[in-house]
Amino acid sequence: MGELLARHLRRAVRLPAFSAAALYGLWEHRKLRRDASRAECAEWLHQSCARGLSAINVRLSSTGALPSHGLIVSNHLSYLDILVFSAAVPCVFVSKAEVERWPIFGRYARWAGSVFVRRHDQADTGRANVSVVESLKSGVPVVLFPEGTTTDGQSVLRFHSTMLQPAIDAGAQVTPCSIGYELDDGAIEREVCWWGNMPLLPHILNLLGKKTIRTIIAFGGPMPATGDRKQLGQTLHREVLRLHEQLRSSGKNRPVDSAAVSLRSG
């Protein structure tokens, strides 16, 4: 009974705190010039997401060097991934077109310069590739989830290599990485990972009641984007899978109080 009440209290505090952080971020966007650069928009999203994660007690840490440019390729577990990557590194995202229609999240993504793509529309993929090349050449890191969907975190699905072509065309570096989560009071694969046909609102409300959510991004070494995109995709998949297994192994052995808070809030 006591823990149930505590969960309700945590939700009651965090939901308005997160909403306030989201609204403040929208207000802060008004300070940007109409012709704000991609870097300025990415920095705005970075600050906004850092505040949002702090509001719901998500603790972020990372291993490896934070990439300052190029393509970042990762596995994909949850809607939280967007906030986590943005809080770790000022960046833009390649996202499925449906996200643009999401309440608040869609506006944030659009204002931050995300590249929306209809994955099964070849003509639209070509347009999106041009936008990604422009972002990469501007020096802003671009985050790509080449699995094309979220998972329960038990494995890393095969990569769709189409959106790797812009990195090759731009002569950019690619940084493979893996994201993972830890809970003291729940099951990651059901209560943090959001996948399949899980309804969104109940999932978010349940997540807000958790004591602490710890997340870690393991960044691998950067590599040049060269050669055939399918071969590059296979190489990146192997490296992301290695980092994924490394995170899962270290998580099983990590003391529950050892996760460090390293959110950069400016």
C-alpha atoms as a PDB file:
ATOM      1  CA  MET A   1       0.000   0.000   0.000  1.00  0.00           C
ATOM      2  CA  GLY A   2       2.828   2.388   0.889  1.00  0.00           C
ATOM      3  CA  GLU A   3       4.645   1.798  -2.407  1.00  0.00           C
ATOM      4  CA  LEU A   4       1.426   2.260  -4.389  1.00  0.00           C
ATOM      5  CA  LEU A   5       0.886   5.632  -2.727  1.00  0.00           C
ATOM      6  CA  ALA A   6       4.512   6.575  -3.400  1.00  0.00           C
ATOM      7  CA  ARG A   7       4.077   5.796  -7.114  1.00  0.00           C
ATOM      8  CA  HIS A   8       0.972   7.974  -7.266  1.00  0.00           C
ATOM      9  CA  LEU A   9       2.828  10.813  -5.538  1.00  0.00           C
ATOM     10  CA  ARG A  10       5.763  10.540  -7.928  1.00  0.00           C
ATOM     11  CA  ARG A  11       3.383  10.780 -10.889  1.00  0.00           C
ATOM     12  CA  ALA A  12       1.589  13.724  -9.313  1.00  0.00           C
ATOM     13  CA  VAL A  13       4.890  15.607  -8.985  1.00  0.00           C
ATOM     14  CA  ARG A  14       6.587  14.593 -12.215  1.00  0.00           C
ATOM     15  CA  LEU A  15       3.763  15.025 -14.709  1.00  0.00           C
ATOM     16  CA  PRO A  16       3.330  18.774 -14.060  1.00  0.00           C
ATOM     17  CA  ALA A  17       7.117  19.188 -13.723  1.00  0.00           C
ATOM     18  CA  PHE A  18       7.688  17.592 -17.122  1.00  0.00           C
ATOM     19  CA  SER A  19       4.818  19.543 -18.661  1.00  0.00           C
ATOM     20  CA  ALA A  20       6.281  22.771 -17.297  1.00  0.00           C
ATOM     21  CA  ALA A  21       9.707  21.880 -18.713  1.00  0.00           C
ATOM     22  CA  ALA A  22       8.157  21.111 -22.110  1.00  0.00           C
ATOM     23  CA  LEU A  23       6.206  24.373 -22.197  1.00  0.00           C
ATOM     24  CA  TYR A  24       9.267  26.328 -21.088  1.00  0.00           C
ATOM     25  CA  GLY A  25      11.223  24.789 -23.931  1.00  0.00           C
ATOM     26  CA  LEU A  26       8.563  25.879 -26.414  1.00  0.00           C
ATOM     27  CA  TRP A  27       8.751  29.389 -24.964  1.00  0.00           C
ATOM     28  CA  GLU A  28      12.552  29.391 -25.205  1.00  0.00           C
ATOM     29  CA  HIS A  29      12.260  28.560 -28.885  1.00  0.00           C
ATOM     30  CA  ARG A  30      10.745  32.001 -29.420  1.00  0.00           C
ATOM     31  CA  LYS A  31      14.151  33.494 -28.637  1.00  0.00           C
ATOM     32  CA  LEU A  32      15.714  31.837 -31.673  1.00  0.00           C
ATOM     33  CA  ARG A  33      16.045  33.835 -34.861  1.00  0.00           C
ATOM     34  CA  ARG A  34      13.778  32.823 -37.725  1.00  0.00           C
ATOM     35  CA  ASP A  35      16.874  31.836 -39.680  1.00  0.00           C
ATOM     36  CA  ALA A  36      18.505  30.021 -36.741  1.00  0.00           C
ATOM     37  CA  SER A  37      21.162  27.544 -37.800  1.00  0.00           C
ATOM     38  CA  ARG A  38      20.869  23.792 -37.352  1.00  0.00           C
ATOM     39  CA  ALA A  39      23.451  24.035 -34.575  1.00  0.00           C
ATOM     40  CA  GLU A  40      21.390  26.645 -32.703  1.00  0.00           C
ATOM     41  CA  CYS A  41      18.239  24.535 -33.013  1.00  0.00           C
ATOM     42  CA  ALA A  42      20.101  21.439 -31.833  1.00  0.00           C
ATOM     43  CA  GLU A  43      21.417  23.334 -28.813  1.00  0.00           C
ATOM     44  CA  TRP A  44      17.879  24.491 -27.980  1.00  0.00           C
ATOM     45  CA  LEU A  45      16.665  20.875 -28.099  1.00  0.00           C
ATOM     46  CA  HIS A  46      19.658  19.763 -26.025  1.00  0.00           C
ATOM     47  CA  GLN A  47      18.843  22.200 -23.222  1.00  0.00           C
ATOM     48  CA  SER A  48      15.120  21.414 -23.349  1.00  0.00           C
ATOM     49  CA  CYS A  49      15.608  17.648 -23.169  1.00  0.00           C
ATOM     50  CA  ALA A  50      18.096  17.948 -20.299  1.00  0.00           C
ATOM     51  CA  ARG A  51      15.473  19.851 -18.309  1.00  0.00           C
ATOM     52  CA  GLY A  52      12.799  17.324 -19.235  1.00  0.00           C
ATOM     53  CA  LEU A  53      14.835  14.325 -18.097  1.00  0.00           C
ATOM     54  CA  SER A  54      15.712  16.042 -14.829  1.00  0.00           C
ATOM     55  CA  ALA A  55      12.003  16.679 -14.209  1.00  0.00           C
ATOM     56  CA  ILE A  56      11.216  12.949 -14.323  1.00  0.00           C
ATOM     57  CA  ASN A  57      14.384  11.796 -12.526  1.00  0.00           C
ATOM     58  CA  VAL A  58      16.120  10.125 -15.447  1.00  0.00           C
ATOM     59  CA  ARG A  59      19.847   9.815 -14.721  1.00  0.00           C
ATOM     60  CA  LEU A  60      22.110   9.778 -17.737  1.00  0.00           C
ATOM     61  CA  SER A  61      25.686   8.606 -18.059  1.00  0.00           C
ATOM     62  CA  SER A  62      27.838   7.633 -21.004  1.00  0.00           C
ATOM     63  CA  THR A  63      31.025   5.811 -21.924  1.00  0.00           C
ATOM     64  CA  GLY A  64      33.324   6.611 -24.812  1.00  0.00           C
ATOM     65  CA  ALA A  65      33.902   9.947 -26.496  1.00  0.00           C
ATOM     66  CA  LEU A  66      30.845  12.079 -27.218  1.00  0.00           C
ATOM     67  CA  PRO A  67      30.713  12.649 -30.995  1.00  0.00           C
ATOM     68  CA  SER A  68      30.705  16.306 -32.064  1.00  0.00           C
ATOM     69  CA  HIS A  69      29.762  15.686 -35.696  1.00  0.00           C
ATOM     70  CA  GLY A  70      28.862  12.974 -38.181  1.00  0.00           C
ATOM     71  CA  LEU A  71      26.238  10.232 -38.087  1.00  0.00           C
ATOM     72  CA  ILE A  72      25.386   8.499 -34.794  1.00  0.00           C
ATOM     73  CA  VAL A  73      23.930   5.006 -35.248  1.00  0.00           C
ATOM     74  CA  SER A  74      22.144   3.300 -32.355  1.00  0.00           C
ATOM     75  CA  ASN A  75      19.690   0.623 -31.352  1.00  0.00           C
ATOM     76  CA  HIS A  76      16.219   1.926 -30.466  1.00  0.00           C
ATOM     77  CA  LEU A  77      14.222   1.056 -27.339  1.00  0.00           C
ATOM     78  CA  SER A  78      11.803   3.818 -26.394  1.00  0.00           C
ATOM     79  CA  TYR A  79      10.467   7.309 -26.968  1.00  0.00           C
ATOM     80  CA  LEU A  80      12.859   8.223 -24.147  1.00  0.00           C
ATOM     81  CA  ASP A  81      15.790   7.578 -26.504  1.00  0.00           C
ATOM     82  CA  ILE A  82      15.118  10.891 -28.263  1.00  0.00           C
ATOM     83  CA  LEU A  83      15.326  12.886 -25.036  1.00  0.00           C
ATOM     84  CA  VAL A  84      18.375  10.955 -23.852  1.00  0.00           C
ATOM     85  CA  PHE A  85      20.431  11.446 -27.016  1.00  0.00           C
ATOM     86  CA  SER A  86      19.451  15.111 -27.204  1.00  0.00           C
ATOM     87  CA  ALA A  87      20.439  15.650 -23.575  1.00  0.00           C
ATOM     88  CA  ALA A  88      23.786  13.923 -24.153  1.00  0.00           C
ATOM     89  CA  VAL A  89      24.737  15.600 -27.443  1.00  0.00           C
ATOM     90  CA  PRO A  90      23.208  18.542 -29.332  1.00  0.00           C
ATOM     91  CA  CYS A  91      21.943  16.719 -32.419  1.00  0.00           C
ATOM     92  CA  VAL A  92      19.150  16.230 -34.932  1.00  0.00           C
ATOM     93  CA  PHE A  93      17.306  13.024 -35.779  1.00  0.00           C
ATOM     94  CA  VAL A  94      16.176  10.996 -38.732  1.00  0.00           C
ATOM     95  CA  SER A  95      12.622  10.071 -37.781  1.00  0.00           C
ATOM     96  CA  LYS A  96       9.622   8.305 -39.258  1.00  0.00           C
ATOM     97  CA  ALA A  97       7.074  10.707 -40.716  1.00  0.00           C
ATOM     98  CA  GLU A  98       4.381   9.840 -38.133  1.00  0.00           C
ATOM     99  CA  VAL A  99       6.359  11.516 -35.345  1.00  0.00           C
ATOM    100  CA  GLU A 100       5.762  14.919 -36.916  1.00  0.00           C
ATOM    101  CA  ARG A 101       2.062  14.567 -36.027  1.00  0.00           C
ATOM    102  CA  TRP A 102       2.626  13.674 -32.354  1.00  0.00           C
ATOM    103  CA  PRO A 103       1.423  16.273 -29.817  1.00  0.00           C
ATOM    104  CA  ILE A 104       4.287  18.439 -28.461  1.00  0.00           C
ATOM    105  CA  PHE A 105       6.926  15.830 -29.403  1.00  0.00           C
ATOM    106  CA  GLY A 106       6.185  16.443 -33.076  1.00  0.00           C
ATOM    107  CA  ARG A 107       6.555  20.188 -32.705  1.00  0.00           C
ATOM    108  CA  TYR A 108       9.835  19.785 -30.835  1.00  0.00           C
ATOM    109  CA  ALA A 109      11.144  17.435 -33.501  1.00  0.00           C
ATOM    110  CA  ARG A 110      10.130  19.762 -36.327  1.00  0.00           C
ATOM    111  CA  TRP A 111      11.552  22.895 -34.695  1.00  0.00           C
ATOM    112  CA  ALA A 112      14.799  21.083 -33.881  1.00  0.00           C
ATOM    113  CA  GLY A 113      15.376  20.269 -37.542  1.00  0.00           C
ATOM    114  CA  SER A 114      14.576  16.550 -37.543  1.00  0.00           C
ATOM    115  CA  VAL A 115      14.489  14.884 -40.945  1.00  0.00           C
ATOM    116  CA  PHE A 116      11.165  13.084 -41.370  1.00  0.00           C
ATOM    117  CA  VAL A 117      10.996  10.245 -43.847  1.00  0.00           C
ATOM    118  CA  ARG A 118       8.313   7.920 -45.177  1.00  0.00           C
ATOM    119  CA  ARG A 119      10.471   4.826 -45.173  1.00  0.00           C
ATOM    120  CA  HIS A 120       8.634   2.903 -47.899  1.00  0.00           C
ATOM    121  CA  ASP A 121       8.383   5.897 -50.251  1.00  0.00           C
ATOM    122  CA  GLN A 122      11.456   5.859 -52.492  1.00  0.00           C
ATOM    123  CA  ALA A 123      10.917   9.414 -53.720  1.00  0.00           C
ATOM    124  CA  ASP A 124      10.595  10.717 -50.164  1.00  0.00           C
ATOM    125  CA  THR A 125      13.701   8.803 -49.104  1.00  0.00           C
ATOM    126  CA  GLY A 126      15.650  10.660 -51.779  1.00  0.00           C
ATOM    127  CA  ARG A 127      14.449  14.010 -50.411  1.00  0.00           C
ATOM    128  CA  ALA A 128      15.308  12.943 -46.869  1.00  0.00           C
ATOM    129  CA  ASN A 129      18.795  11.859 -47.963  1.00  0.00           C
ATOM    130  CA  VAL A 130      19.479  15.350 -49.293  1.00  0.00           C
ATOM    131  CA  SER A 131      18.368  16.882 -45.969  1.00  0.00           C
ATOM    132  CA  VAL A 132      20.595  14.508 -43.991  1.00  0.00           C
ATOM    133  CA  VAL A 133      23.595  15.378 -46.176  1.00  0.00           C
ATOM    134  CA  GLU A 134      22.945  19.081 -45.518  1.00  0.00           C
ATOM    135  CA  SER A 135      22.767  18.473 -41.753  1.00  0.00           C
ATOM    136  CA  LEU A 136      25.971  16.437 -41.771  1.00  0.00           C
ATOM    137  CA  LYS A 137      27.810  19.092 -43.769  1.00  0.00           C
ATOM    138  CA  SER A 138      26.635  21.754 -41.297  1.00  0.00           C
ATOM    139  CA  GLY A 139      28.596  19.938 -38.562  1.00  0.00           C
ATOM    140  CA  VAL A 140      25.584  18.932 -36.458  1.00  0.00           C
ATOM    141  CA  PRO A 141      25.519  15.252 -35.376  1.00  0.00           C
ATOM    142  CA  VAL A 142      22.627  13.300 -36.899  1.00  0.00           C
ATOM    143  CA  VAL A 143      21.140  10.367 -34.948  1.00  0.00           C
ATOM    144  CA  LEU A 144      19.805   7.395 -36.907  1.00  0.00           C
ATOM    145  CA  PHE A 145      18.006   4.297 -35.590  1.00  0.00           C
ATOM    146  CA  PRO A 146      18.525   1.908 -38.525  1.00  0.00           C
ATOM    147  CA  GLU A 147      16.454  -0.911 -36.993  1.00  0.00           C
ATOM    148  CA  GLY A 148      13.477   1.186 -38.095  1.00  0.00           C
ATOM    149  CA  THR A 149      11.463   0.408 -34.962  1.00  0.00           C
ATOM    150  CA  THR A 150      11.753   0.104 -31.203  1.00  0.00           C
ATOM    151  CA  THR A 151      12.396  -3.259 -29.492  1.00  0.00           C
ATOM    152  CA  ASP A 152      12.326  -4.859 -26.049  1.00  0.00           C
ATOM    153  CA  GLY A 153      16.112  -4.603 -25.839  1.00  0.00           C
ATOM    154  CA  GLN A 154      16.776  -8.322 -25.886  1.00  0.00           C
ATOM    155  CA  SER A 155      18.549  -8.140 -29.237  1.00  0.00           C
ATOM    156  CA  VAL A 156      19.446  -5.737 -32.052  1.00  0.00           C
ATOM    157  CA  LEU A 157      17.370  -6.149 -35.220  1.00  0.00           C
ATOM    158  CA  ARG A 158      18.966  -6.086 -38.655  1.00  0.00           C
ATOM    159  CA  PHE A 159      19.773  -2.626 -39.960  1.00  0.00           C
ATOM    160  CA  HIS A 160      18.063  -0.951 -42.904  1.00  0.00           C
ATOM    161  CA  SER A 161      20.969   0.633 -44.739  1.00  0.00           C
ATOM    162  CA  THR A 162      19.135   3.120 -46.987  1.00  0.00           C
ATOM    163  CA  MET A 163      19.650   6.112 -44.684  1.00  0.00           C
ATOM    164  CA  LEU A 164      23.376   5.365 -44.379  1.00  0.00           C
ATOM    165  CA  GLN A 165      23.911   6.581 -47.945  1.00  0.00           C
ATOM    166  CA  PRO A 166      23.905  10.291 -46.973  1.00  0.00           C
ATOM    167  CA  ALA A 167      26.872   9.716 -44.640  1.00  0.00           C
ATOM    168  CA  ILE A 168      28.782   8.100 -47.508  1.00  0.00           C
ATOM    169  CA  ASP A 169      27.810  10.919 -49.874  1.00  0.00           C
ATOM    170  CA  ALA A 170      28.923  13.539 -47.344  1.00  0.00           C
ATOM    171  CA  GLY A 171      32.160  11.743 -46.492  1.00  0.00           C
ATOM    172  CA  ALA A 172      31.098  11.852 -42.838  1.00  0.00           C
ATOM    173  CA  GLN A 173      32.274   9.811 -39.899  1.00  0.00           C
ATOM    174  CA  VAL A 174      29.869   7.335 -38.296  1.00  0.00           C
ATOM    175  CA  THR A 175      29.809   6.605 -34.567  1.00  0.00           C
ATOM    176  CA  PRO A 176      28.142   3.346 -33.517  1.00  0.00           C
ATOM    177  CA  CYS A 177      26.623   3.258 -30.046  1.00  0.00           C
ATOM    178  CA  SER A 178      24.142   1.417 -27.871  1.00  0.00           C
ATOM    179  CA  ILE A 179      21.618   2.750 -25.396  1.00  0.00           C
ATOM    180  CA  GLY A 180      20.397   0.876 -22.330  1.00  0.00           C
ATOM    181  CA  TYR A 181      18.255   1.460 -19.238  1.00  0.00           C
ATOM    182  CA  GLU A 182      18.125   0.246 -15.644  1.00  0.00           C
ATOM    183  CA  LEU A 183      15.324   0.192 -13.073  1.00  0.00           C
ATOM    184  CA  ASP A 184      15.308  -0.835  -9.423  1.00  0.00           C
ATOM    185  CA  ASP A 185      11.552  -1.375  -9.348  1.00  0.00           C
ATOM    186  CA  GLY A 186      10.395  -2.836 -12.620  1.00  0.00           C
ATOM    187  CA  ALA A 187      11.080  -4.659 -15.877  1.00  0.00           C
ATOM    188  CA  ILE A 188      13.001  -2.697 -18.505  1.00  0.00           C
ATOM    189  CA  GLU A 189      11.572  -4.627 -21.448  1.00  0.00           C
ATOM    190  CA  ARG A 190       7.973  -3.775 -20.480  1.00  0.00           C
ATOM    191  CA  GLU A 191       8.160  -0.550 -18.480  1.00  0.00           C
ATOM    192  CA  VAL A 192      10.879   1.475 -20.214  1.00  0.00           C
ATOM    193  CA  CYS A 193      11.084  -0.096 -23.659  1.00  0.00           C
ATOM    194  CA  TRP A 194       8.056   0.845 -25.748  1.00  0.00           C
ATOM    195  CA  TRP A 195       7.419  -1.470 -28.638  1.00  0.00           C
ATOM    196  CA  GLY A 196       4.824  -3.533 -30.472  1.00  0.00           C
ATOM    197  CA  ASN A 197       1.258  -2.464 -29.771  1.00  0.00           C
ATOM    198  CA  MET A 198       1.851  -0.982 -26.321  1.00  0.00           C
ATOM    199  CA  PRO A 199      -0.547   1.958 -25.725  1.00  0.00           C
ATOM    200  CA  LEU A 200       1.485   5.124 -25.254  1.00  0.00           C
ATOM    201  CA  LEU A 201      -0.325   7.050 -22.490  1.00  0.00           C
ATOM    202  CA  PRO A 202      -0.575   4.191 -19.942  1.00  0.00           C
ATOM    203  CA  HIS A 203       3.088   3.391 -20.609  1.00  0.00           C
ATOM    204  CA  ILE A 204       4.145   6.988 -19.911  1.00  0.00           C
ATOM    205  CA  LEU A 205       2.036   7.239 -16.743  1.00  0.00           C
ATOM    206  CA  ASN A 206       3.503   3.996 -15.414  1.00  0.00           C
ATOM    207  CA  LEU A 207       7.022   5.207 -16.230  1.00  0.00           C
ATOM    208  CA  LEU A 208       6.475   8.438 -14.306  1.00  0.00           C
ATOM    209  CA  GLY A 209       5.816   6.419 -11.139  1.00  0.00           C
ATOM    210  CA  LYS A 210       9.202   4.686 -11.129  1.00  0.00           C
ATOM    211  CA  LYS A 211      11.727   5.603  -8.433  1.00  0.00           C
ATOM    212  CA  THR A 212      14.676   6.330 -10.722  1.00  0.00           C
ATOM    213  CA  ILE A 213      15.382   5.540 -14.349  1.00  0.00           C
ATOM    214  CA  ARG A 214      19.059   5.159 -15.173  1.00  0.00           C
ATOM    215  CA  THR A 215      20.217   5.278 -18.766  1.00  0.00           C
ATOM    216  CA  ILE A 216      23.632   4.833 -20.293  1.00  0.00           C
ATOM    217  CA  ILE A 217      24.893   5.351 -23.816  1.00  0.00           C
ATOM    218  CA  ALA A 218      27.990   3.401 -24.830  1.00  0.00           C
ATOM    219  CA  PHE A 219      29.698   5.236 -27.699  1.00  0.00           C
ATOM    220  CA  GLY A 220      32.037   3.217 -29.879  1.00  0.00           C
ATOM    221  CA  GLY A 221      34.924   4.463 -31.957  1.00  0.00           C
ATOM    222  CA  PRO A 222      34.083   6.574 -35.022  1.00  0.00           C
ATOM    223  CA  MET A 223      34.660   5.118 -38.467  1.00  0.00           C
ATOM    224  CA  PRO A 224      34.637   6.656 -41.952  1.00  0.00           C
ATOM    225  CA  ALA A 225      31.458   6.186 -44.000  1.00  0.00           C
ATOM    226  CA  THR A 226      32.871   4.641 -47.145  1.00  0.00           C
ATOM    227  CA  GLY A 227      32.119   1.906 -49.623  1.00  0.00           C
ATOM    228  CA  ASP A 228      28.835   0.095 -50.071  1.00  0.00           C
ATOM    229  CA  ARG A 229      26.018   1.107 -47.704  1.00  0.00           C
ATOM    230  CA  LYS A 230      24.949  -2.492 -47.116  1.00  0.00           C
ATOM    231  CA  GLN A 231      28.443  -3.529 -46.096  1.00  0.00           C
ATOM    232  CA  LEU A 232      28.692  -0.439 -43.900  1.00  0.00           C
ATOM    233  CA  GLY A 233      25.358  -1.381 -42.333  1.00  0.00           C
ATOM    234  CA  GLN A 234      26.618  -4.876 -41.519  1.00  0.00           C
ATOM    235  CA  THR A 235      29.799  -3.487 -39.963  1.00  0.00           C
ATOM    236  CA  LEU A 236      27.836  -1.012 -37.856  1.00  0.00           C
ATOM    237  CA  HIS A 237      25.351  -3.685 -36.796  1.00  0.00           C
ATOM    238  CA  ARG A 238      28.158  -5.877 -35.489  1.00  0.00           C
ATOM    239  CA  GLU A 239      29.617  -2.990 -33.503  1.00  0.00           C
ATOM    240  CA  VAL A 240      26.266  -1.853 -32.080  1.00  0.00           C
ATOM    241  CA  LEU A 241      25.504  -5.461 -31.118  1.00  0.00           C
ATOM    242  CA  ARG A 242      28.881  -5.715 -29.369  1.00  0.00           C
ATOM    243  CA  LEU A 243      28.204  -2.523 -27.402  1.00  0.00           C
ATOM    244  CA  HIS A 244      24.672  -3.714 -26.646  1.00  0.00           C
ATOM    245  CA  GLU A 245      25.913  -6.990 -25.196  1.00  0.00           C
ATOM    246  CA  GLN A 246      28.583  -5.120 -23.260  1.00  0.00           C
ATOM    247  CA  LEU A 247      25.942  -2.887 -21.665  1.00  0.00           C
ATOM    248  CA  ARG A 248      23.701  -5.824 -20.789  1.00  0.00           C
ATOM    249  CA  SER A 249      26.605  -7.677 -19.216  1.00  0.00           C
ATOM    250  CA  SER A 250      27.844  -4.689 -17.191  1.00  0.00           C
ATOM    251  CA  GLY A 251      24.282  -3.873 -16.082  1.00  0.00           C
ATOM    252  CA  LYS A 252      23.899  -7.274 -14.459  1.00  0.00           C
ATOM    253  CA  ASN A 253      27.036  -6.678 -12.406  1.00  0.00           C
ATOM    254  CA  ARG A 254      26.610  -2.971 -11.629  1.00  0.00           C
ATOM    255  CA  PRO A 255      25.563  -1.981  -8.087  1.00  0.00           C
ATOM    256  CA  VAL A 256      22.160  -0.284  -8.099  1.00  0.00           C
ATOM    257  CA  ASP A 257      23.549   2.991  -6.707  1.00  0.00           C
ATOM    258  CA  SER A 258      26.495   3.353  -9.064  1.00  0.00           C
ATOM    259  CA  ALA A 259      24.856   5.220 -11.967  1.00  0.00           C
ATOM    260  CA  ALA A 260      26.178   8.750 -12.239  1.00  0.00           C
ATOM    261  CA  VAL A 261      24.151  11.793 -13.162  1.00  0.00           C
ATOM    262  CA  SER A 262      25.838  13.555 -16.062  1.00  0.00           C
ATOM    263  CA  LEU A 263      23.059  15.536 -17.708  1.00  0.00           C
ATOM    264  CA  ARG A 264      24.494  18.649 -19.292  1.00  0.00           C
ATOM    265  CA  SER A 265      22.037  21.453 -18.641  1.00  0.00           C
ATOM    266  CA  GLY A 266      24.261  24.256 -19.901  1.00  0.00           C
END
